[in-house]
PDB file of N, CA and C in Angstrom:
ATOM      1  N   MET A   1     103.816  97.062  83.702  1.00  0.00           N
ATOM      2  CA  MET A   1     103.455  96.566  85.016  1.00  0.00           C
ATOM      3  C   MET A   1     102.407  95.469  84.842  1.00  0.00           C
ATOM      4  N   LYS A   2     102.579  94.402  85.550  1.00  0.00           N
ATOM      5  CA  LYS A   2     101.613  93.296  85.517  1.00  0.00           C
ATOM      6  C   LYS A   2     100.423  93.662  86.391  1.00  0.00           C
ATOM      7  N   ARG A   3      99.261  93.652  85.792  1.00  0.00           N
ATOM      8  CA  ARG A   3      98.040  93.940  86.533  1.00  0.00           C
ATOM      9  C   ARG A   3      97.368  92.631  86.916  1.00  0.00           C
ATOM     10  N   PHE A   4      96.670  92.678  88.027  1.00  0.00           N
ATOM     11  CA  PHE A   4      95.924  91.510  88.482  1.00  0.00           C
ATOM     12  C   PHE A   4      94.771  91.265  87.518  1.00  0.00           C
ATOM     13  N   ASP A   5      94.626  90.026  87.047  1.00  0.00           N
ATOM     14  CA  ASP A   5      93.604  89.737  86.036  1.00  0.00           C
ATOM     15  C   ASP A   5      92.661  88.589  86.416  1.00  0.00           C
ATOM     16  N   TRP A   6      92.637  88.200  87.659  1.00  0.00           N
ATOM     17  CA  TRP A   6      91.757  87.158  88.180  1.00  0.00           C
ATOM     18  C   TRP A   6      92.113  85.754  87.683  1.00  0.00           C
ATOM     19  N   SER A   7      93.183  85.595  86.908  1.00  0.00           N
ATOM     20  CA  SER A   7      93.562  84.254  86.457  1.00  0.00           C
ATOM     21  C   SER A   7      94.291  83.480  87.563  1.00  0.00           C
ATOM     22  N   HIS A   8      94.705  84.187  88.607  1.00  0.00           N
ATOM     23  CA  HIS A   8      95.351  83.589  89.773  1.00  0.00           C
ATOM     24  C   HIS A   8      94.736  84.213  91.025  1.00  0.00           C
ATOM     25  N   THR A   9      95.124  83.709  92.174  1.00  0.00           N
ATOM     26  CA  THR A   9      94.636  84.304  93.423  1.00  0.00           C
ATOM     27  C   THR A   9      95.415  85.580  93.720  1.00  0.00           C
ATOM     28  N   ILE A  10      94.870  86.399  94.608  1.00  0.00           N
ATOM     29  CA  ILE A  10      95.575  87.610  95.041  1.00  0.00           C
ATOM     30  C   ILE A  10      96.917  87.223  95.654  1.00  0.00           C
ATOM     31  N   HIS A  11      96.923  86.167  96.451  1.00  0.00           N
ATOM     32  CA  HIS A  11      98.171  85.722  97.083  1.00  0.00           C
ATOM     33  C   HIS A  11      99.238  85.404  96.030  1.00  0.00           C
ATOM     34  N   GLU A  12      98.846  84.691  94.978  1.00  0.00           N
ATOM     35  CA  GLU A  12      99.798  84.365  93.910  1.00  0.00           C
ATOM     36  C   GLU A  12     100.284  85.626  93.205  1.00  0.00           C
ATOM     37  N   HIS A  13      99.384  86.571  92.998  1.00  0.00           N
ATOM     38  CA  HIS A  13      99.748  87.829  92.346  1.00  0.00           C
ATOM     39  C   HIS A  13     100.764  88.601  93.189  1.00  0.00           C
ATOM     40  N   VAL A  14     100.486  88.735  94.470  1.00  0.00           N
ATOM     41  CA  VAL A  14     101.393  89.465  95.362  1.00  0.00           C
ATOM     42  C   VAL A  14     102.742  88.751  95.436  1.00  0.00           C
ATOM     43  N   THR A  15     102.717  87.434  95.502  1.00  0.00           N
ATOM     44  CA  THR A  15     103.962  86.662  95.527  1.00  0.00           C
ATOM     45  C   THR A  15     104.760  86.882  94.246  1.00  0.00           C
ATOM     46  N   HIS A  16     104.072  86.890  93.115  1.00  0.00           N
ATOM     47  CA  HIS A  16     104.741  87.132  91.833  1.00  0.00           C
ATOM     48  C   HIS A  16     105.395  88.515  91.816  1.00  0.00           C
ATOM     49  N   MET A  17     104.655  89.517  92.244  1.00  0.00           N
ATOM     50  CA  MET A  17     105.193  90.884  92.268  1.00  0.00           C
ATOM     51  C   MET A  17     106.391  90.975  93.212  1.00  0.00           C
ATOM     52  N   SER A  18     106.292  90.317  94.337  1.00  0.00           N
ATOM     53  CA  SER A  18     107.385  90.304  95.305  1.00  0.00           C
ATOM     54  C   SER A  18     108.616  89.604  94.725  1.00  0.00           C
ATOM     55  N   ASN A  19     108.389  88.525  94.000  1.00  0.00           N
ATOM     56  CA  ASN A  19     109.497  87.822  93.346  1.00  0.00           C
ATOM     57  C   ASN A  19     110.169  88.690  92.289  1.00  0.00           C
ATOM     58  N   LEU A  20     109.380  89.482  91.568  1.00  0.00           N
ATOM     59  CA  LEU A  20     109.956  90.415  90.597  1.00  0.00           C
ATOM     60  C   LEU A  20     110.887  91.402  91.295  1.00  0.00           C
ATOM     61  N   ALA A  21     110.445  91.913  92.429  1.00  0.00           N
ATOM     62  CA  ALA A  21     111.272  92.848  93.191  1.00  0.00           C
ATOM     63  C   ALA A  21     112.549  92.164  93.677  1.00  0.00           C
ATOM     64  N   SER A  22     112.443  90.916  94.087  1.00  0.00           N
ATOM     65  CA  SER A  22     113.624  90.166  94.532  1.00  0.00           C
ATOM     66  C   SER A  22     114.622  89.989  93.397  1.00  0.00           C
ATOM     67  N   ARG A  23     114.111  89.719  92.208  1.00  0.00           N
ATOM     68  CA  ARG A  23     115.001  89.575  91.043  1.00  0.00           C
ATOM     69  C   ARG A  23     115.713  90.886  90.734  1.00  0.00           C
ATOM     70  N   LEU A  24     114.978  91.990  90.823  1.00  0.00           N
ATOM     71  CA  LEU A  24     115.601  93.296  90.588  1.00  0.00           C
ATOM     72  C   LEU A  24     116.679  93.576  91.628  1.00  0.00           C
ATOM     73  N   THR A  25     116.403  93.241  92.876  1.00  0.00           N
ATOM     74  CA  THR A  25     117.387  93.421  93.943  1.00  0.00           C
ATOM     75  C   THR A  25     118.619  92.565  93.664  1.00  0.00           C
ATOM     76  N   PHE A  26     118.409  91.338  93.240  1.00  0.00           N
ATOM     77  CA  PHE A  26     119.513  90.429  92.916  1.00  0.00           C
ATOM     78  C   PHE A  26     120.373  90.998  91.791  1.00  0.00           C
ATOM     79  N   MET A  27     119.746  91.715  90.852  1.00  0.00           N
ATOM     80  CA  MET A  27     120.481  92.307  89.730  1.00  0.00           C
ATOM     81  C   MET A  27     121.134  93.634  90.103  1.00  0.00           C
ATOM     82  N   GLY A  28     121.008  94.041  91.361  1.00  0.00           N
ATOM     83  CA  GLY A  28     121.685  95.244  91.818  1.00  0.00           C
ATOM     84  C   GLY A  28     120.819  96.481  91.948  1.00  0.00           C
ATOM     85  N   MET A  29     119.543  96.375  91.637  1.00  0.00           N
ATOM     86  CA  MET A  29     118.638  97.516  91.796  1.00  0.00           C
ATOM     87  C   MET A  29     118.040  97.482  93.191  1.00  0.00           C
ATOM     88  N   GLU A  30     118.052  98.616  93.852  1.00  0.00           N
ATOM     89  CA  GLU A  30     117.448  98.678  95.181  1.00  0.00           C
ATOM     90  C   GLU A  30     115.947  98.926  95.033  1.00  0.00           C
ATOM     91  N   VAL A  31     115.155  98.058  95.627  1.00  0.00           N
ATOM     92  CA  VAL A  31     113.695  98.198  95.589  1.00  0.00           C
ATOM     93  C   VAL A  31     113.223  98.384  97.027  1.00  0.00           C
ATOM     94  N   HIS A  32     112.799  99.603  97.342  1.00  0.00           N
ATOM     95  CA  HIS A  32     112.321  99.882  98.696  1.00  0.00           C
ATOM     96  C   HIS A  32     110.979  99.197  98.934  1.00  0.00           C
ATOM     97  N   GLU A  33     110.772  98.780 100.167  1.00  0.00           N
ATOM     98  CA  GLU A  33     109.532  98.086 100.521  1.00  0.00           C
ATOM     99  C   GLU A  33     108.311  98.959 100.248  1.00  0.00           C
ATOM    100  N   SER A  34     108.422 100.256 100.539  1.00  0.00           N
ATOM    101  CA  SER A  34     107.284 101.153 100.309  1.00  0.00           C
ATOM    102  C   SER A  34     106.938 101.227  98.822  1.00  0.00           C
ATOM    103  N   PHE A  35     107.960 101.192  97.966  1.00  0.00           N
ATOM    104  CA  PHE A  35     107.709 101.181  96.521  1.00  0.00           C
ATOM    105  C   PHE A  35     107.003  99.894  96.116  1.00  0.00           C
ATOM    106  N   LEU A  36     107.467  98.770  96.661  1.00  0.00           N
ATOM    107  CA  LEU A  36     106.859  97.478  96.337  1.00  0.00           C
ATOM    108  C   LEU A  36     105.388  97.451  96.743  1.00  0.00           C
ATOM    109  N   VAL A  37     105.094  97.953  97.936  1.00  0.00           N
ATOM    110  CA  VAL A  37     103.702  97.985  98.409  1.00  0.00           C
ATOM    111  C   VAL A  37     102.850  98.829  97.467  1.00  0.00           C
ATOM    112  N   GLN A  38     103.342 100.015  97.112  1.00  0.00           N
ATOM    113  CA  GLN A  38     102.588 100.891  96.213  1.00  0.00           C
ATOM    114  C   GLN A  38     102.434 100.246  94.836  1.00  0.00           C
ATOM    115  N   PHE A  39     103.476  99.589  94.362  1.00  0.00           N
ATOM    116  CA  PHE A  39     103.459  98.905  93.074  1.00  0.00           C
ATOM    117  C   PHE A  39     102.377  97.826  93.052  1.00  0.00           C
ATOM    118  N   ILE A  40     102.305  97.052  94.124  1.00  0.00           N
ATOM    119  CA  ILE A  40     101.300  95.986  94.220  1.00  0.00           C
ATOM    120  C   ILE A  40      99.898  96.578  94.302  1.00  0.00           C
ATOM    121  N   ILE A  41      99.724  97.583  95.136  1.00  0.00           N
ATOM    122  CA  ILE A  41      98.401  98.202  95.288  1.00  0.00           C
ATOM    123  C   ILE A  41      97.926  98.801  93.969  1.00  0.00           C
ATOM    124  N   ASN A  42      98.833  99.446  93.245  1.00  0.00           N
ATOM    125  CA  ASN A  42      98.459 100.034  91.956  1.00  0.00           C
ATOM    126  C   ASN A  42      98.103  98.983  90.915  1.00  0.00           C
ATOM    127  N   SER A  43      98.565  97.750  91.097  1.00  0.00           N
ATOM    128  CA  SER A  43      98.285  96.695  90.120  1.00  0.00           C
ATOM    129  C   SER A  43      96.942  96.008  90.360  1.00  0.00           C
ATOM    130  N   LEU A  44      96.291  96.333  91.463  1.00  0.00           N
ATOM    131  CA  LEU A  44      95.019  95.684  91.789  1.00  0.00           C
ATOM    132  C   LEU A  44      93.886  96.235  90.924  1.00  0.00           C
ATOM    133  N   PRO A  45      92.870  95.426  90.669  1.00  0.00           N
ATOM    134  CA  PRO A  45      91.742  95.862  89.840  1.00  0.00           C
ATOM    135  C   PRO A  45      90.842  96.850  90.587  1.00  0.00           C
ATOM    136  N   PRO A  46      89.932  97.501  89.866  1.00  0.00           N
ATOM    137  CA  PRO A  46      89.040  98.494  90.472  1.00  0.00           C
ATOM    138  C   PRO A  46      88.232  97.970  91.658  1.00  0.00           C
ATOM    139  N   GLU A  47      87.995  96.671  91.711  1.00  0.00           N
ATOM    140  CA  GLU A  47      87.238  96.101  92.832  1.00  0.00           C
ATOM    141  C   GLU A  47      87.941  96.338  94.167  1.00  0.00           C
ATOM    142  N   TYR A  48      89.216  96.641  94.127  1.00  0.00           N
ATOM    143  CA  TYR A  48      89.989  96.903  95.340  1.00  0.00           C
ATOM    144  C   TYR A  48      90.185  98.406  95.566  1.00  0.00           C
ATOM    145  N   GLY A  49      89.358  99.209  94.919  1.00  0.00           N
ATOM    146  CA  GLY A  49      89.467 100.658  95.016  1.00  0.00           C
ATOM    147  C   GLY A  49      89.391 101.189  96.434  1.00  0.00           C
ATOM    148  N   GLN A  50      88.510 100.626  97.252  1.00  0.00           N
ATOM    149  CA  GLN A  50      88.386 101.095  98.634  1.00  0.00           C
ATOM    150  C   GLN A  50      89.674 100.817  99.408  1.00  0.00           C
ATOM    151  N   PHE A  51      90.255  99.658  99.194  1.00  0.00           N
ATOM    152  CA  PHE A  51      91.522  99.317  99.838  1.00  0.00           C
ATOM    153  C   PHE A  51      92.613 100.284  99.394  1.00  0.00           C
ATOM    154  N   GLN A  52      92.627 100.605  98.094  1.00  0.00           N
ATOM    155  CA  GLN A  52      93.616 101.538  97.566  1.00  0.00           C
ATOM    156  C   GLN A  52      93.441 102.916  98.195  1.00  0.00           C
ATOM    157  N   MET A  53      92.190 103.353  98.360  1.00  0.00           N
ATOM    158  CA  MET A  53      91.926 104.660  98.943  1.00  0.00           C
ATOM    159  C   MET A  53      92.365 104.705 100.403  1.00  0.00           C
ATOM    160  N   ILE A  54      92.067 103.656 101.158  1.00  0.00           N
ATOM    161  CA  ILE A  54      92.471 103.601 102.568  1.00  0.00           C
ATOM    162  C   ILE A  54      93.983 103.667 102.674  1.00  0.00           C
ATOM    163  N   HIS A  55      94.682 102.936 101.806  1.00  0.00           N
ATOM    164  CA  HIS A  55      96.145 102.961 101.817  1.00  0.00           C
ATOM    165  C   HIS A  55      96.657 104.363 101.508  1.00  0.00           C
ATOM    166  N   CYS A  56      96.051 105.015 100.531  1.00  0.00           N
ATOM    167  CA  CYS A  56      96.455 106.366 100.147  1.00  0.00           C
ATOM    168  C   CYS A  56      96.238 107.347 101.295  1.00  0.00           C
ATOM    169  N   LEU A  57      95.097 107.261 101.961  1.00  0.00           N
ATOM    170  CA  LEU A  57      94.816 108.148 103.093  1.00  0.00           C
ATOM    171  C   LEU A  57      95.788 107.901 104.245  1.00  0.00           C
ATOM    172  N   ALA A  58      96.123 106.649 104.493  1.00  0.00           N
ATOM    173  CA  ALA A  58      97.090 106.323 105.548  1.00  0.00           C
ATOM    174  C   ALA A  58      98.449 106.903 105.204  1.00  0.00           C
ATOM    175  N   LEU A  59      98.843 106.822 103.942  1.00  0.00           N
ATOM    176  CA  LEU A  59     100.122 107.377 103.515  1.00  0.00           C
ATOM    177  C   LEU A  59     100.139 108.888 103.696  1.00  0.00           C
ATOM    178  N   LYS A  60      99.044 109.557 103.318  1.00  0.00           N
ATOM    179  CA  LYS A  60      98.961 111.011 103.479  1.00  0.00           C
ATOM    180  C   LYS A  60      99.053 111.393 104.950  1.00  0.00           C
ATOM    181  N   SER A  61      98.425 110.617 105.815  1.00  0.00           N
ATOM    182  CA  SER A  61      98.473 110.880 107.249  1.00  0.00           C
ATOM    183  C   SER A  61      99.895 110.743 107.777  1.00  0.00           C
ATOM    184  N   ILE A  62     100.593 109.720 107.342  1.00  0.00           N
ATOM    185  CA  ILE A  62     101.983 109.518 107.766  1.00  0.00           C
ATOM    186  C   ILE A  62     102.847 110.678 107.298  1.00  0.00           C
ATOM    187  N   LEU A  63     102.677 111.098 106.044  1.00  0.00           N
ATOM    188  CA  LEU A  63     103.458 112.221 105.523  1.00  0.00           C
ATOM    189  C   LEU A  63     103.159 113.503 106.290  1.00  0.00           C
ATOM    190  N   HIS A  64     101.898 113.714 106.627  1.00  0.00           N
ATOM    191  CA  HIS A  64     101.517 114.895 107.402  1.00  0.00           C
ATOM    192  C   HIS A  64     102.200 114.880 108.768  1.00  0.00           C
ATOM    193  N   ASN A  65     102.213 113.716 109.428  1.00  0.00           N
ATOM    194  CA  ASN A  65     102.870 113.596 110.736  1.00  0.00           C
ATOM    195  C   ASN A  65     104.362 113.851 110.631  1.00  0.00           C
ATOM    196  N   ILE A  66     104.981 113.387 109.560  1.00  0.00           N
ATOM    197  CA  ILE A  66     106.413 113.630 109.360  1.00  0.00           C
ATOM    198  C   ILE A  66     106.667 115.117 109.160  1.00  0.00           C
ATOM    199  N   GLU A  67     105.833 115.770 108.356  1.00  0.00           N
ATOM    200  CA  GLU A  67     105.982 117.209 108.127  1.00  0.00           C
ATOM    201  C   GLU A  67     105.840 117.985 109.431  1.00  0.00           C
ATOM    202  N   GLU A  68     104.860 117.617 110.256  1.00  0.00           N
ATOM    203  CA  GLU A  68     104.679 118.281 111.546  1.00  0.00           C
ATOM    204  C   GLU A  68     105.892 118.076 112.440  1.00  0.00           C
ATOM    205  N   ALA A  69     106.413 116.867 112.472  1.00  0.00           N
ATOM    206  CA  ALA A  69     107.587 116.577 113.302  1.00  0.00           C
ATOM    207  C   ALA A  69     108.789 117.376 112.823  1.00  0.00           C
ATOM    208  N   CYS A  70     108.963 117.481 111.522  1.00  0.00           N
ATOM    209  CA  CYS A  70     110.088 118.243 110.975  1.00  0.00           C
ATOM    210  C   CYS A  70     109.952 119.729 111.285  1.00  0.00           C
ATOM    211  N   SER A  71     108.745 120.255 111.182  1.00  0.00           N
ATOM    212  CA  SER A  71     108.557 121.683 111.449  1.00  0.00           C
ATOM    213  C   SER A  71     108.741 121.993 112.928  1.00  0.00           C
ATOM    214  N   SER A  72     108.362 121.078 113.814  1.00  0.00           N
ATOM    215  CA  SER A  72     108.554 121.327 115.245  1.00  0.00           C
ATOM    216  C   SER A  72     110.028 121.236 115.624  1.00  0.00           C
ATOM    217  N   VAL A  73     110.791 120.431 114.918  1.00  0.00           N
ATOM    218  CA  VAL A  73     112.231 120.325 115.182  1.00  0.00           C
ATOM    219  C   VAL A  73     112.942 121.584 114.712  1.00  0.00           C
ATOM    220  N   SER A  74     112.495 122.137 113.585  1.00  0.00           N
ATOM    221  CA  SER A  74     113.163 123.316 113.036  1.00  0.00           C
ATOM    222  C   SER A  74     112.772 124.599 113.756  1.00  0.00           C
ATOM    223  N   ASP A  75     111.724 124.567 114.589  1.00  0.00           N
ATOM    224  CA  ASP A  75     111.297 125.773 115.326  1.00  0.00           C
ATOM    225  C   ASP A  75     112.180 126.061 116.499  1.00  0.00           C
TER     226      ASP A  75
END
């Protein structure tokens, strides 16, 4: 995985990662948007740790809401 190394801007890094996903899609591999987002976030340096944590907490909240919705449907 290509990690962000400050040799380019964050925008260039995200664009590069997105282009990699596009190439994989072109070659027949399905790359879900949620995977791409997580892939990019995981490639960020420790200075973006707070952003990574907020994203992780938001994901956990979404999963919790889905679990609650599923359990209420099955009741």
